[in-house]
Amino acid sequence: MQLGLQRQREANEKTAADRCWRITREYEDAGVSAYKRRVVRPGFEQLLTDLASGLIDGICVWDSDRLARQPRDLERLIDLYETRKGLVFATANKDVDLSTSDGRFYARLMVNVGE
């Protein structure tokens, strides 16, 4: 599992560097499945809190299914992107942008497939 997390971290670092972004904090829920409905993911919850408070300005994630696999979790995230204008979002694996309607549509499709 650690090797997979390290690969994701390296891909995220490259994606951020390609966009001239600086990663200021990492959020992990290693060993906690985003697929399970009733699971609390402390890293994800902290990410939402930090986005809402303005502590961070966006997210760089390996793939959208690493971030959310439950539609309700994705919708909480989308609500923040619709409320706080100027937030950035990138995935290392695919080009998803939650700040656009097309990006939100694609993310919703992917979460439903992942579910």
Protein backbone atom coordinates (compact mmCIF):
# COMPACT_ATOMS: atom_id res chain seq x y z
CA MET A 1 0.00 0.00 0.00
CA GLN A 2 2.79 2.47 0.79
CA LEU A 3 4.27 2.06 -2.70
CA GLY A 4 0.92 2.97 -4.24
CA LEU A 5 0.61 6.02 -2.01
CA GLN A 6 4.16 7.08 -2.90
CA ARG A 7 3.40 6.81 -6.64
CA GLN A 8 0.27 8.91 -6.18
CA ARG A 9 2.21 11.50 -4.18
CA GLU A 10 4.88 11.76 -6.89
CA ALA A 11 2.27 12.12 -9.63
CA ASN A 12 0.49 14.84 -7.62
CA GLU A 13 3.77 16.70 -7.10
CA LYS A 14 4.43 16.64 -10.85
CA THR A 15 0.89 17.77 -11.66
CA ALA A 16 1.17 20.64 -9.19
CA ALA A 17 4.60 21.65 -10.48
CA ASP A 18 3.35 21.61 -14.09
CA ARG A 19 0.71 24.17 -13.04
CA CYS A 20 3.15 26.20 -10.90
CA TRP A 21 1.20 25.29 -7.76
CA ARG A 22 2.74 24.63 -4.37
CA ILE A 23 1.50 21.71 -2.29
CA THR A 24 1.14 22.97 1.26
CA ARG A 25 -0.58 20.04 2.91
CA GLU A 26 -1.30 16.38 2.24
CA TYR A 27 -4.51 14.68 3.30
CA GLU A 28 -4.52 10.90 3.65
CA ASP A 29 -7.03 8.34 4.71
CA ALA A 30 -4.78 5.32 4.17
CA GLY A 31 -6.60 2.07 4.81
CA VAL A 32 -10.01 3.77 4.96
CA SER A 33 -12.27 3.04 2.02
CA ALA A 34 -14.10 5.94 0.41
CA TYR A 35 -16.46 3.33 -1.03
CA LYS A 36 -18.06 2.46 2.33
CA ARG A 37 -21.12 4.55 3.05
CA ARG A 38 -20.86 5.09 6.80
CA VAL A 39 -17.10 5.49 7.10
CA VAL A 40 -15.74 8.75 8.48
CA ARG A 41 -12.57 9.80 6.68
CA PRO A 42 -10.71 12.27 8.90
CA GLY A 43 -8.39 13.41 6.10
CA PHE A 44 -11.30 14.12 3.76
CA GLU A 45 -13.20 15.97 6.47
CA GLN A 46 -10.14 18.10 7.23
CA LEU A 47 -9.73 18.81 3.51
CA LEU A 48 -13.31 20.11 3.31
CA THR A 49 -12.78 22.23 6.43
CA ASP A 50 -9.55 23.71 5.06
CA LEU A 51 -11.14 24.51 1.69
CA ALA A 52 -14.15 26.15 3.34
CA SER A 53 -12.00 28.23 5.68
CA GLY A 54 -9.64 29.43 2.94
CA LEU A 55 -6.61 27.70 4.45
CA ILE A 56 -6.06 26.03 1.06
CA ASP A 57 -7.05 27.20 -2.43
CA GLY A 58 -7.56 23.89 -4.17
CA ILE A 59 -6.89 20.22 -4.57
CA CYS A 60 -4.48 18.11 -6.56
CA VAL A 61 -5.39 14.44 -6.40
CA TRP A 62 -4.15 11.38 -8.26
CA ASP A 63 -7.62 10.47 -9.54
CA SER A 64 -11.09 11.64 -8.64
CA ASP A 65 -11.99 8.18 -7.31
CA ARG A 66 -9.23 8.56 -4.71
CA LEU A 67 -11.07 11.59 -3.41
CA ALA A 68 -14.72 10.50 -3.44
CA ARG A 69 -16.62 7.36 -4.29
CA GLN A 70 -19.90 8.36 -2.74
CA PRO A 71 -22.04 10.90 -4.59
CA ARG A 72 -22.86 12.70 -1.35
CA ASP A 73 -19.15 13.26 -0.62
CA LEU A 74 -18.57 14.65 -4.10
CA GLU A 75 -21.58 16.95 -3.77
CA ARG A 76 -20.19 18.37 -0.52
CA LEU A 77 -16.98 19.13 -2.37
CA ILE A 78 -18.80 20.61 -5.38
CA ASP A 79 -20.80 22.84 -3.04
CA LEU A 80 -17.52 24.36 -1.85
CA TYR A 81 -16.33 24.91 -5.43
CA GLU A 82 -19.60 26.64 -6.28
CA THR A 83 -19.47 28.77 -3.12
CA ARG A 84 -15.79 29.74 -3.06
CA LYS A 85 -14.93 31.07 -6.49
CA GLY A 86 -11.32 30.72 -7.61
CA LEU A 87 -10.63 27.31 -6.11
CA VAL A 88 -8.43 25.12 -8.30
CA PHE A 89 -8.66 21.39 -8.88
CA ALA A 90 -6.51 18.96 -10.83
CA THR A 91 -6.07 15.24 -11.15
CA ALA A 92 -2.83 13.58 -12.14
CA ASN A 93 -4.61 10.82 -14.07
CA LYS A 94 -7.37 12.67 -15.90
CA ASP A 95 -8.22 16.29 -16.48
CA VAL A 96 -11.13 17.07 -14.15
CA ASP A 97 -11.89 20.62 -13.05
CA LEU A 98 -14.57 21.03 -10.40
CA SER A 99 -14.66 24.75 -11.04
CA THR A 100 -16.41 24.18 -14.39
CA SER A 101 -19.83 22.68 -15.13
CA ASP A 102 -18.25 20.18 -17.55
CA GLY A 103 -15.75 19.13 -14.88
CA ARG A 104 -18.49 18.69 -12.28
CA PHE A 105 -20.54 16.63 -14.75
CA TYR A 106 -17.58 14.36 -15.49
CA ALA A 107 -16.72 13.99 -11.78
CA ARG A 108 -20.33 13.03 -11.02
CA LEU A 109 -20.22 10.38 -13.73
CA MET A 110 -16.94 8.96 -12.42
CA VAL A 111 -18.16 8.84 -8.82
CA ASN A 112 -21.31 7.02 -9.89
CA VAL A 113 -19.24 4.52 -11.84
CA GLY A 114 -16.92 4.09 -8.86
CA GLU A 115 -19.84 3.55 -6.53
